[in-house]
Amino acid sequence: MCILSGCDDLPSPPGMGLRTAHKYAQRHKHPERLLQAIKTDWGHRLPLSNYEQAFIRAELTFRHQVVWCPERKERVHLDPIDPSYDCPDWSFLGSREHPQAELIALGHL
């Protein structure tokens, strides 16, 4: 719903607000079915020619962004990445390496 209504990674289709995005998300539940419905209903009004790929990338970013784990004291993916998922480059999620990550997470930097 939040991706469909517009986020930093993807603009919303013209006229697609939070209420309409919520209806689509409730009705279609899974990203694949949601994307199919959007392409059918909004295809000619989608803000990008590669909207489907950009939507999937935004969804992956929400699910697998790099965060600080206070228990492990390291940067980890919010949800582990399924190794069977075929993506040649995961760098858009952020680097797990950061020399000052703990200081930033603790608010000391």
PDB file of N, CA and C in Angstrom:
ATOM      1  N   MET A   1       0.819  -1.183   0.000  1.00  0.00           N
ATOM      2  CA  MET A   1       0.000   0.000   0.000  1.00  0.00           C
ATOM      3  C   MET A   1       0.869   1.255   0.000  1.00  0.00           C
ATOM      4  N   CYS A   2       1.903   1.258   0.836  1.00  0.00           N
ATOM      5  CA  CYS A   2       2.731   2.469   0.920  1.00  0.00           C
ATOM      6  C   CYS A   2       3.543   2.672  -0.359  1.00  0.00           C
ATOM      7  N   ILE A   3       3.967   1.605  -1.007  1.00  0.00           N
ATOM      8  CA  ILE A   3       4.700   1.739  -2.268  1.00  0.00           C
ATOM      9  C   ILE A   3       3.761   2.251  -3.347  1.00  0.00           C
ATOM     10  N   LEU A   4       2.581   1.662  -3.436  1.00  0.00           N
ATOM     11  CA  LEU A   4       1.621   2.023  -4.458  1.00  0.00           C
ATOM     12  C   LEU A   4       1.165   3.474  -4.345  1.00  0.00           C
ATOM     13  N   SER A   5       1.032   3.972  -3.126  1.00  0.00           N
ATOM     14  CA  SER A   5       0.575   5.349  -2.935  1.00  0.00           C
ATOM     15  C   SER A   5       1.708   6.367  -3.090  1.00  0.00           C
ATOM     16  N   GLY A   6       2.928   5.866  -3.338  1.00  0.00           N
ATOM     17  CA  GLY A   6       4.064   6.761  -3.579  1.00  0.00           C
ATOM     18  C   GLY A   6       5.047   6.709  -2.435  1.00  0.00           C
ATOM     19  N   CYS A   7       6.319   6.540  -2.776  1.00  0.00           N
ATOM     20  CA  CYS A   7       7.374   6.501  -1.766  1.00  0.00           C
ATOM     21  C   CYS A   7       8.643   7.081  -2.388  1.00  0.00           C
ATOM     22  N   ASP A   8       9.718   7.128  -1.631  1.00  0.00           N
ATOM     23  CA  ASP A   8      10.970   7.678  -2.139  1.00  0.00           C
ATOM     24  C   ASP A   8      11.468   6.935  -3.370  1.00  0.00           C
ATOM     25  N   ASP A   9      11.175   5.641  -3.442  1.00  0.00           N
ATOM     26  CA  ASP A   9      11.697   4.812  -4.519  1.00  0.00           C
ATOM     27  C   ASP A   9      10.803   4.755  -5.748  1.00  0.00           C
ATOM     28  N   LEU A  10       9.545   5.194  -5.632  1.00  0.00           N
ATOM     29  CA  LEU A  10       8.613   5.046  -6.749  1.00  0.00           C
ATOM     30  C   LEU A  10       7.460   6.044  -6.636  1.00  0.00           C
ATOM     31  N   PRO A  11       7.241   6.851  -7.670  1.00  0.00           N
ATOM     32  CA  PRO A  11       6.088   7.757  -7.632  1.00  0.00           C
ATOM     33  C   PRO A  11       4.793   6.972  -7.822  1.00  0.00           C
ATOM     34  N   SER A  12       3.707   7.511  -7.299  1.00  0.00           N
ATOM     35  CA  SER A  12       2.414   6.847  -7.452  1.00  0.00           C
ATOM     36  C   SER A  12       1.818   7.179  -8.817  1.00  0.00           C
ATOM     37  N   PRO A  13       0.963   6.299  -9.331  1.00  0.00           N
ATOM     38  CA  PRO A  13       0.234   6.646 -10.551  1.00  0.00           C
ATOM     39  C   PRO A  13      -0.636   7.882 -10.287  1.00  0.00           C
ATOM     40  N   PRO A  14      -0.834   8.739 -11.276  1.00  0.00           N
ATOM     41  CA  PRO A  14      -1.676   9.926 -11.066  1.00  0.00           C
ATOM     42  C   PRO A  14      -3.064   9.537 -10.567  1.00  0.00           C
ATOM     43  N   GLY A  15      -3.495  10.168  -9.492  1.00  0.00           N
ATOM     44  CA  GLY A  15      -4.803   9.882  -8.919  1.00  0.00           C
ATOM     45  C   GLY A  15      -4.809   8.750  -7.910  1.00  0.00           C
ATOM     46  N   MET A  16      -3.669   8.118  -7.708  1.00  0.00           N
ATOM     47  CA  MET A  16      -3.577   7.003  -6.753  1.00  0.00           C
ATOM     48  C   MET A  16      -3.160   7.574  -5.396  1.00  0.00           C
ATOM     49  N   GLY A  17      -4.120   7.693  -4.508  1.00  0.00           N
ATOM     50  CA  GLY A  17      -3.828   8.160  -3.167  1.00  0.00           C
ATOM     51  C   GLY A  17      -3.803   6.994  -2.187  1.00  0.00           C
ATOM     52  N   LEU A  18      -3.673   7.315  -0.940  1.00  0.00           N
ATOM     53  CA  LEU A  18      -3.585   6.294   0.098  1.00  0.00           C
ATOM     54  C   LEU A  18      -4.858   5.446   0.177  1.00  0.00           C
ATOM     55  N   ARG A  19      -6.015   6.081   0.042  1.00  0.00           N
ATOM     56  CA  ARG A  19      -7.278   5.342   0.135  1.00  0.00           C
ATOM     57  C   ARG A  19      -7.418   4.324  -1.009  1.00  0.00           C
ATOM     58  N   THR A  20      -7.108   4.733  -2.230  1.00  0.00           N
ATOM     59  CA  THR A  20      -7.199   3.824  -3.378  1.00  0.00           C
ATOM     60  C   THR A  20      -6.140   2.729  -3.270  1.00  0.00           C
ATOM     61  N   ALA A  21      -4.943   3.094  -2.854  1.00  0.00           N
ATOM     62  CA  ALA A  21      -3.881   2.098  -2.669  1.00  0.00           C
ATOM     63  C   ALA A  21      -4.287   1.071  -1.615  1.00  0.00           C
ATOM     64  N   HIS A  22      -4.936   1.534  -0.563  1.00  0.00           N
ATOM     65  CA  HIS A  22      -5.406   0.617   0.489  1.00  0.00           C
ATOM     66  C   HIS A  22      -6.431  -0.366  -0.071  1.00  0.00           C
ATOM     67  N   LYS A  23      -7.348   0.106  -0.887  1.00  0.00           N
ATOM     68  CA  LYS A  23      -8.345  -0.776  -1.490  1.00  0.00           C
ATOM     69  C   LYS A  23      -7.681  -1.833  -2.363  1.00  0.00           C
ATOM     70  N   TYR A  24      -6.714  -1.428  -3.178  1.00  0.00           N
ATOM     71  CA  TYR A  24      -6.000  -2.386  -4.025  1.00  0.00           C
ATOM     72  C   TYR A  24      -5.235  -3.402  -3.177  1.00  0.00           C
ATOM     73  N   ALA A  25      -4.568  -2.927  -2.131  1.00  0.00           N
ATOM     74  CA  ALA A  25      -3.784  -3.828  -1.273  1.00  0.00           C
ATOM     75  C   ALA A  25      -4.697  -4.824  -0.560  1.00  0.00           C
ATOM     76  N   GLN A  26      -5.840  -4.376  -0.094  1.00  0.00           N
ATOM     77  CA  GLN A  26      -6.791  -5.283   0.570  1.00  0.00           C
ATOM     78  C   GLN A  26      -7.341  -6.316  -0.403  1.00  0.00           C
ATOM     79  N   ARG A  27      -7.643  -5.870  -1.605  1.00  0.00           N
ATOM     80  CA  ARG A  27      -8.279  -6.745  -2.584  1.00  0.00           C
ATOM     81  C   ARG A  27      -7.305  -7.772  -3.162  1.00  0.00           C
ATOM     82  N   HIS A  28      -6.045  -7.388  -3.355  1.00  0.00           N
ATOM     83  CA  HIS A  28      -5.122  -8.238  -4.104  1.00  0.00           C
ATOM     84  C   HIS A  28      -4.030  -8.890  -3.258  1.00  0.00           C
ATOM     85  N   LYS A  29      -3.851  -8.498  -2.032  1.00  0.00           N
ATOM     86  CA  LYS A  29      -2.971  -9.123  -1.023  1.00  0.00           C
ATOM     87  C   LYS A  29      -1.500  -9.326  -1.419  1.00  0.00           C
ATOM     88  N   HIS A  30      -1.203  -9.992  -2.503  1.00  0.00           N
ATOM     89  CA  HIS A  30       0.175 -10.316  -2.881  1.00  0.00           C
ATOM     90  C   HIS A  30       0.699  -9.341  -3.937  1.00  0.00           C
ATOM     91  N   PRO A  31       1.973  -8.974  -3.866  1.00  0.00           N
ATOM     92  CA  PRO A  31       2.531  -8.005  -4.819  1.00  0.00           C
ATOM     93  C   PRO A  31       2.333  -8.395  -6.288  1.00  0.00           C
ATOM     94  N   GLU A  32       2.427  -9.680  -6.614  1.00  0.00           N
ATOM     95  CA  GLU A  32       2.275 -10.098  -8.013  1.00  0.00           C
ATOM     96  C   GLU A  32       0.863  -9.815  -8.516  1.00  0.00           C
ATOM     97  N   ARG A  33      -0.142 -10.147  -7.692  1.00  0.00           N
ATOM     98  CA  ARG A  33      -1.532  -9.903  -8.096  1.00  0.00           C
ATOM     99  C   ARG A  33      -1.840  -8.408  -8.098  1.00  0.00           C
ATOM    100  N   LEU A  34      -1.270  -7.702  -7.152  1.00  0.00           N
ATOM    101  CA  LEU A  34      -1.458  -6.251  -7.095  1.00  0.00           C
ATOM    102  C   LEU A  34      -0.892  -5.595  -8.348  1.00  0.00           C
ATOM    103  N   LEU A  35       0.315  -5.990  -8.740  1.00  0.00           N
ATOM    104  CA  LEU A  35       0.928  -5.421  -9.941  1.00  0.00           C
ATOM    105  C   LEU A  35       0.108  -5.728 -11.187  1.00  0.00           C
ATOM    106  N   GLN A  36      -0.411  -6.936 -11.290  1.00  0.00           N
ATOM    107  CA  GLN A  36      -1.232  -7.294 -12.453  1.00  0.00           C
ATOM    108  C   GLN A  36      -2.469  -6.408 -12.517  1.00  0.00           C
ATOM    109  N   ALA A  37      -3.127  -6.188 -11.378  1.00  0.00           N
ATOM    110  CA  ALA A  37      -4.315  -5.332 -11.341  1.00  0.00           C
ATOM    111  C   ALA A  37      -3.975  -3.892 -11.708  1.00  0.00           C
ATOM    112  N   ILE A  38      -2.857  -3.401 -11.211  1.00  0.00           N
ATOM    113  CA  ILE A  38      -2.443  -2.027 -11.511  1.00  0.00           C
ATOM    114  C   ILE A  38      -2.149  -1.879 -13.007  1.00  0.00           C
ATOM    115  N   LYS A  39      -1.442  -2.846 -13.572  1.00  0.00           N
ATOM    116  CA  LYS A  39      -1.145  -2.782 -15.008  1.00  0.00           C
ATOM    117  C   LYS A  39      -2.437  -2.809 -15.831  1.00  0.00           C
ATOM    118  N   THR A  40      -3.399  -3.621 -15.405  1.00  0.00           N
ATOM    119  CA  THR A  40      -4.675  -3.710 -16.128  1.00  0.00           C
ATOM    120  C   THR A  40      -5.475  -2.420 -15.988  1.00  0.00           C
ATOM    121  N   ASP A  41      -5.580  -1.912 -14.766  1.00  0.00           N
ATOM    122  CA  ASP A  41      -6.445  -0.756 -14.500  1.00  0.00           C
ATOM    123  C   ASP A  41      -5.786   0.596 -14.791  1.00  0.00           C
ATOM    124  N   TRP A  42      -4.473   0.690 -14.610  1.00  0.00           N
ATOM    125  CA  TRP A  42      -3.787   1.977 -14.700  1.00  0.00           C
ATOM    126  C   TRP A  42      -2.691   1.997 -15.761  1.00  0.00           C
ATOM    127  N   GLY A  43      -2.550   0.924 -16.536  1.00  0.00           N
ATOM    128  CA  GLY A  43      -1.432   0.752 -17.455  1.00  0.00           C
ATOM    129  C   GLY A  43      -1.006   1.976 -18.227  1.00  0.00           C
ATOM    130  N   HIS A  44      -1.933   2.659 -18.859  1.00  0.00           N
ATOM    131  CA  HIS A  44      -1.573   3.820 -19.674  1.00  0.00           C
ATOM    132  C   HIS A  44      -1.237   5.058 -18.834  1.00  0.00           C
ATOM    133  N   ARG A  45      -1.505   5.004 -17.537  1.00  0.00           N
ATOM    134  CA  ARG A  45      -1.235   6.154 -16.658  1.00  0.00           C
ATOM    135  C   ARG A  45      -0.106   5.919 -15.674  1.00  0.00           C
ATOM    136  N   LEU A  46       0.619   4.827 -15.827  1.00  0.00           N
ATOM    137  CA  LEU A  46       1.723   4.559 -14.896  1.00  0.00           C
ATOM    138  C   LEU A  46       2.831   5.585 -15.103  1.00  0.00           C
ATOM    139  N   PRO A  47       3.437   6.061 -14.003  1.00  0.00           N
ATOM    140  CA  PRO A  47       4.405   7.156 -14.110  1.00  0.00           C
ATOM    141  C   PRO A  47       5.756   6.771 -14.734  1.00  0.00           C
ATOM    142  N   LEU A  48       6.069   5.484 -14.816  1.00  0.00           N
ATOM    143  CA  LEU A  48       7.344   5.040 -15.379  1.00  0.00           C
ATOM    144  C   LEU A  48       7.102   3.904 -16.358  1.00  0.00           C
ATOM    145  N   SER A  49       7.915   3.837 -17.403  1.00  0.00           N
ATOM    146  CA  SER A  49       7.770   2.734 -18.354  1.00  0.00           C
ATOM    147  C   SER A  49       8.188   1.405 -17.722  1.00  0.00           C
ATOM    148  N   ASN A  50       9.079   1.457 -16.735  1.00  0.00           N
ATOM    149  CA  ASN A  50       9.530   0.242 -16.039  1.00  0.00           C
ATOM    150  C   ASN A  50       8.898   0.149 -14.648  1.00  0.00           C
ATOM    151  N   TYR A  51       7.633   0.541 -14.545  1.00  0.00           N
ATOM    152  CA  TYR A  51       6.955   0.615 -13.255  1.00  0.00           C
ATOM    153  C   TYR A  51       7.000  -0.718 -12.504  1.00  0.00           C
ATOM    154  N   GLU A  52       6.769  -1.822 -13.215  1.00  0.00           N
ATOM    155  CA  GLU A  52       6.739  -3.130 -12.555  1.00  0.00           C
ATOM    156  C   GLU A  52       8.086  -3.452 -11.910  1.00  0.00           C
ATOM    157  N   GLN A  53       9.181  -3.248 -12.636  1.00  0.00           N
ATOM    158  CA  GLN A  53      10.507  -3.526 -12.088  1.00  0.00           C
ATOM    159  C   GLN A  53      10.819  -2.584 -10.923  1.00  0.00           C
ATOM    160  N   ALA A  54      10.430  -1.317 -11.061  1.00  0.00           N
ATOM    161  CA  ALA A  54      10.681  -0.346  -9.988  1.00  0.00           C
ATOM    162  C   ALA A  54       9.852  -0.681  -8.745  1.00  0.00           C
ATOM    163  N   PHE A  55       8.631  -1.162  -8.941  1.00  0.00           N
ATOM    164  CA  PHE A  55       7.785  -1.563  -7.813  1.00  0.00           C
ATOM    165  C   PHE A  55       8.428  -2.734  -7.070  1.00  0.00           C
ATOM    166  N   ILE A  56       8.882  -3.730  -7.806  1.00  0.00           N
ATOM    167  CA  ILE A  56       9.511  -4.904  -7.184  1.00  0.00           C
ATOM    168  C   ILE A  56      10.757  -4.489  -6.420  1.00  0.00           C
ATOM    169  N   ARG A  57      11.555  -3.616  -7.001  1.00  0.00           N
ATOM    170  CA  ARG A  57      12.756  -3.142  -6.323  1.00  0.00           C
ATOM    171  C   ARG A  57      12.405  -2.386  -5.039  1.00  0.00           C
ATOM    172  N   ALA A  58      11.365  -1.553  -5.087  1.00  0.00           N
ATOM    173  CA  ALA A  58      10.932  -0.818  -3.886  1.00  0.00           C
ATOM    174  C   ALA A  58      10.451  -1.795  -2.816  1.00  0.00           C
ATOM    175  N   GLU A  59       9.715  -2.826  -3.234  1.00  0.00           N
ATOM    176  CA  GLU A  59       9.229  -3.814  -2.273  1.00  0.00           C
ATOM    177  C   GLU A  59      10.396  -4.574  -1.638  1.00  0.00           C
ATOM    178  N   LEU A  60      11.378  -4.933  -2.438  1.00  0.00           N
ATOM    179  CA  LEU A  60      12.570  -5.600  -1.904  1.00  0.00           C
ATOM    180  C   LEU A  60      13.318  -4.685  -0.931  1.00  0.00           C
ATOM    181  N   THR A  61      13.360  -3.392  -1.241  1.00  0.00           N
ATOM    182  CA  THR A  61      14.029  -2.423  -0.365  1.00  0.00           C
ATOM    183  C   THR A  61      13.324  -2.333   0.982  1.00  0.00           C
ATOM    184  N   PHE A  62      12.003  -2.290   0.972  1.00  0.00           N
ATOM    185  CA  PHE A  62      11.258  -2.256   2.233  1.00  0.00           C
ATOM    186  C   PHE A  62      11.511  -3.517   3.053  1.00  0.00           C
ATOM    187  N   ARG A  63      11.486  -4.663   2.404  1.00  0.00           N
ATOM    188  CA  ARG A  63      11.593  -5.932   3.125  1.00  0.00           C
ATOM    189  C   ARG A  63      13.012  -6.269   3.560  1.00  0.00           C
ATOM    190  N   HIS A  64      14.013  -5.879   2.790  1.00  0.00           N
ATOM    191  CA  HIS A  64      15.377  -6.350   3.037  1.00  0.00           C
ATOM    192  C   HIS A  64      16.392  -5.230   3.276  1.00  0.00           C
ATOM    193  N   GLN A  65      15.932  -4.058   3.641  1.00  0.00           N
ATOM    194  CA  GLN A  65      16.865  -2.963   3.910  1.00  0.00           C
ATOM    195  C   GLN A  65      17.870  -3.360   4.989  1.00  0.00           C
ATOM    196  N   VAL A  66      19.000  -2.705   4.964  1.00  0.00           N
ATOM    197  CA  VAL A  66      20.046  -2.982   5.951  1.00  0.00           C
ATOM    198  C   VAL A  66      19.759  -2.174   7.211  1.00  0.00           C
ATOM    199  N   VAL A  67      19.742  -2.861   8.346  1.00  0.00           N
ATOM    200  CA  VAL A  67      19.473  -2.237   9.647  1.00  0.00           C
ATOM    201  C   VAL A  67      20.528  -2.687  10.655  1.00  0.00           C
ATOM    202  N   TRP A  68      20.606  -2.003  11.770  1.00  0.00           N
ATOM    203  CA  TRP A  68      21.541  -2.367  12.836  1.00  0.00           C
ATOM    204  C   TRP A  68      20.864  -3.370  13.764  1.00  0.00           C
ATOM    205  N   CYS A  69      21.528  -4.489  14.054  1.00  0.00           N
ATOM    206  CA  CYS A  69      21.028  -5.487  14.995  1.00  0.00           C
ATOM    207  C   CYS A  69      21.774  -5.298  16.317  1.00  0.00           C
ATOM    208  N   PRO A  70      21.076  -4.835  17.369  1.00  0.00           N
ATOM    209  CA  PRO A  70      21.753  -4.600  18.645  1.00  0.00           C
ATOM    210  C   PRO A  70      22.227  -5.887  19.322  1.00  0.00           C
ATOM    211  N   GLU A  71      21.579  -7.004  19.040  1.00  0.00           N
ATOM    212  CA  GLU A  71      22.006  -8.273  19.647  1.00  0.00           C
ATOM    213  C   GLU A  71      23.290  -8.793  18.997  1.00  0.00           C
ATOM    214  N   ARG A  72      23.339  -8.754  17.677  1.00  0.00           N
ATOM    215  CA  ARG A  72      24.510  -9.258  16.960  1.00  0.00           C
ATOM    216  C   ARG A  72      25.590  -8.198  16.812  1.00  0.00           C
ATOM    217  N   LYS A  73      25.231  -6.938  17.077  1.00  0.00           N
ATOM    218  CA  LYS A  73      26.143  -5.802  16.960  1.00  0.00           C
ATOM    219  C   LYS A  73      26.759  -5.722  15.562  1.00  0.00           C
ATOM    220  N   GLU A  74      25.854  -5.819  14.570  1.00  0.00           N
ATOM    221  CA  GLU A  74      26.282  -5.688  13.184  1.00  0.00           C
ATOM    222  C   GLU A  74      25.084  -5.292  12.331  1.00  0.00           C
ATOM    223  N   ARG A  75      25.389  -4.841  11.129  1.00  0.00           N
ATOM    224  CA  ARG A  75      24.345  -4.489  10.182  1.00  0.00           C
ATOM    225  C   ARG A  75      23.861  -5.766   9.493  1.00  0.00           C
ATOM    226  N   VAL A  76      22.539  -5.928   9.440  1.00  0.00           N
ATOM    227  CA  VAL A  76      21.925  -7.117   8.854  1.00  0.00           C
ATOM    228  C   VAL A  76      20.755  -6.670   7.967  1.00  0.00           C
ATOM    229  N   HIS A  77      20.262  -7.576   7.147  1.00  0.00           N
ATOM    230  CA  HIS A  77      19.054  -7.289   6.383  1.00  0.00           C
ATOM    231  C   HIS A  77      17.855  -7.463   7.301  1.00  0.00           C
ATOM    232  N   LEU A  78      16.890  -6.563   7.186  1.00  0.00           N
ATOM    233  CA  LEU A  78      15.698  -6.609   8.032  1.00  0.00           C
ATOM    234  C   LEU A  78      15.053  -7.988   7.971  1.00  0.00           C
ATOM    235  N   ASP A  79      14.833  -8.516   6.790  1.00  0.00           N
ATOM    236  CA  ASP A  79      14.425  -9.900   6.571  1.00  0.00           C
ATOM    237  C   ASP A  79      15.535 -10.554   5.762  1.00  0.00           C
ATOM    238  N   PRO A  80      15.953 -11.756   6.116  1.00  0.00           N
ATOM    239  CA  PRO A  80      17.000 -12.420   5.336  1.00  0.00           C
ATOM    240  C   PRO A  80      16.581 -12.571   3.874  1.00  0.00           C
ATOM    241  N   ILE A  81      17.538 -12.459   2.989  1.00  0.00           N
ATOM    242  CA  ILE A  81      17.275 -12.592   1.560  1.00  0.00           C
ATOM    243  C   ILE A  81      17.227 -14.068   1.202  1.00  0.00           C
ATOM    244  N   ASP A  82      16.168 -14.469   0.561  1.00  0.00           N
ATOM    245  CA  ASP A  82      16.015 -15.854   0.110  1.00  0.00           C
ATOM    246  C   ASP A  82      17.029 -16.097  -1.004  1.00  0.00           C
ATOM    247  N   PRO A  83      17.958 -17.033  -0.807  1.00  0.00           N
ATOM    248  CA  PRO A  83      19.003 -17.261  -1.810  1.00  0.00           C
ATOM    249  C   PRO A  83      18.459 -17.739  -3.151  1.00  0.00           C
ATOM    250  N   SER A  84      17.228 -18.240  -3.191  1.00  0.00           N
ATOM    251  CA  SER A  84      16.663 -18.695  -4.463  1.00  0.00           C
ATOM    252  C   SER A  84      16.137 -17.537  -5.312  1.00  0.00           C
ATOM    253  N   TYR A  85      15.997 -16.341  -4.715  1.00  0.00           N
ATOM    254  CA  TYR A  85      15.506 -15.195  -5.471  1.00  0.00           C
ATOM    255  C   TYR A  85      16.598 -14.707  -6.418  1.00  0.00           C
ATOM    256  N   ASP A  86      16.255 -14.568  -7.669  1.00  0.00           N
ATOM    257  CA  ASP A  86      17.227 -14.217  -8.695  1.00  0.00           C
ATOM    258  C   ASP A  86      17.332 -12.700  -8.859  1.00  0.00           C
ATOM    259  N   CYS A  87      18.363 -12.123  -8.272  1.00  0.00           N
ATOM    260  CA  CYS A  87      18.642 -10.703  -8.434  1.00  0.00           C
ATOM    261  C   CYS A  87      20.160 -10.568  -8.566  1.00  0.00           C
ATOM    262  N   PRO A  88      20.633 -10.107  -9.707  1.00  0.00           N
ATOM    263  CA  PRO A  88      22.081 -10.065  -9.933  1.00  0.00           C
ATOM    264  C   PRO A  88      22.828  -9.046  -9.072  1.00  0.00           C
ATOM    265  N   ASP A  89      22.120  -8.025  -8.579  1.00  0.00           N
ATOM    266  CA  ASP A  89      22.805  -6.972  -7.832  1.00  0.00           C
ATOM    267  C   ASP A  89      21.915  -6.483  -6.697  1.00  0.00           C
ATOM    268  N   TRP A  90      22.316  -6.758  -5.473  1.00  0.00           N
ATOM    269  CA  TRP A  90      21.554  -6.345  -4.292  1.00  0.00           C
ATOM    270  C   TRP A  90      22.087  -5.051  -3.688  1.00  0.00           C
ATOM    271  N   SER A  91      23.002  -4.368  -4.349  1.00  0.00           N
ATOM    272  CA  SER A  91      23.654  -3.188  -3.758  1.00  0.00           C
ATOM    273  C   SER A  91      22.667  -2.057  -3.441  1.00  0.00           C
ATOM    274  N   PHE A  92      21.519  -2.018  -4.101  1.00  0.00           N
ATOM    275  CA  PHE A  92      20.538  -0.960  -3.840  1.00  0.00           C
ATOM    276  C   PHE A  92      19.973  -1.042  -2.421  1.00  0.00           C
ATOM    277  N   LEU A  93      20.175  -2.166  -1.728  1.00  0.00           N
ATOM    278  CA  LEU A  93      19.672  -2.313  -0.364  1.00  0.00           C
ATOM    279  C   LEU A  93      20.563  -1.625   0.666  1.00  0.00           C
ATOM    280  N   GLY A  94      21.757  -1.311   0.287  1.00  0.00           N
ATOM    281  CA  GLY A  94      22.704  -0.717   1.214  1.00  0.00           C
ATOM    282  C   GLY A  94      23.782  -1.710   1.588  1.00  0.00           C
ATOM    283  N   SER A  95      24.879  -1.194   2.025  1.00  0.00           N
ATOM    284  CA  SER A  95      26.017  -2.039   2.387  1.00  0.00           C
ATOM    285  C   SER A  95      25.895  -2.517   3.828  1.00  0.00           C
ATOM    286  N   ARG A  96      26.285  -3.748   4.050  1.00  0.00           N
ATOM    287  CA  ARG A  96      26.315  -4.265   5.420  1.00  0.00           C
ATOM    288  C   ARG A  96      27.597  -3.831   6.119  1.00  0.00           C
ATOM    289  N   GLU A  97      28.540  -3.302   5.367  1.00  0.00           N
ATOM    290  CA  GLU A  97      29.808  -2.839   5.930  1.00  0.00           C
ATOM    291  C   GLU A  97      29.752  -1.332   6.159  1.00  0.00           C
ATOM    292  N   HIS A  98      29.995  -0.909   7.379  1.00  0.00           N
ATOM    293  CA  HIS A  98      30.065   0.511   7.699  1.00  0.00           C
ATOM    294  C   HIS A  98      30.884   0.638   8.979  1.00  0.00           C
ATOM    295  N   PRO A  99      32.034   1.272   8.908  1.00  0.00           N
ATOM    296  CA  PRO A  99      32.929   1.298  10.069  1.00  0.00           C
ATOM    297  C   PRO A  99      32.359   2.006  11.302  1.00  0.00           C
ATOM    298  N   GLN A 100      31.402   2.898  11.112  1.00  0.00           N
ATOM    299  CA  GLN A 100      30.868   3.642  12.248  1.00  0.00           C
ATOM    300  C   GLN A 100      29.395   3.323  12.518  1.00  0.00           C
ATOM    301  N   ALA A 101      28.904   2.196  12.008  1.00  0.00           N
ATOM    302  CA  ALA A 101      27.489   1.859  12.127  1.00  0.00           C
ATOM    303  C   ALA A 101      27.023   1.789  13.580  1.00  0.00           C
ATOM    304  N   GLU A 102      27.811   1.164  14.444  1.00  0.00           N
ATOM    305  CA  GLU A 102      27.389   1.038  15.842  1.00  0.00           C
ATOM    306  C   GLU A 102      27.306   2.403  16.510  1.00  0.00           C
ATOM    307  N   LEU A 103      28.256   3.277  16.262  1.00  0.00           N
ATOM    308  CA  LEU A 103      28.221   4.615  16.840  1.00  0.00           C
ATOM    309  C   LEU A 103      27.001   5.391  16.381  1.00  0.00           C
ATOM    310  N   ILE A 104      26.648   5.224  15.106  1.00  0.00           N
ATOM    311  CA  ILE A 104      25.450   5.903  14.570  1.00  0.00           C
ATOM    312  C   ILE A 104      24.192   5.317  15.214  1.00  0.00           C
ATOM    313  N   ALA A 105      24.108   3.982  15.282  1.00  0.00           N
ATOM    314  CA  ALA A 105      22.934   3.321  15.856  1.00  0.00           C
ATOM    315  C   ALA A 105      22.719   3.699  17.314  1.00  0.00           C
ATOM    316  N   LEU A 106      23.794   3.880  18.057  1.00  0.00           N
ATOM    317  CA  LEU A 106      23.692   4.235  19.470  1.00  0.00           C
ATOM    318  C   LEU A 106      23.505   5.730  19.697  1.00  0.00           C
ATOM    319  N   GLY A 107      23.555   6.509  18.619  1.00  0.00           N
ATOM    320  CA  GLY A 107      23.377   7.950  18.726  1.00  0.00           C
ATOM    321  C   GLY A 107      24.609   8.685  19.187  1.00  0.00           C
ATOM    322  N   HIS A 108      25.777   8.061  19.096  1.00  0.00           N
ATOM    323  CA  HIS A 108      27.003   8.705  19.518  1.00  0.00           C
ATOM    324  C   HIS A 108      27.676   9.450  18.367  1.00  0.00           C
ATOM    325  N   LEU A 109      27.163   9.303  17.196  1.00  0.00           N
ATOM    326  CA  LEU A 109      27.736   9.974  16.022  1.00  0.00           C
ATOM    327  C   LEU A 109      26.634  10.427  15.119  1.00  0.00           C
TER     328      LEU A 109
END
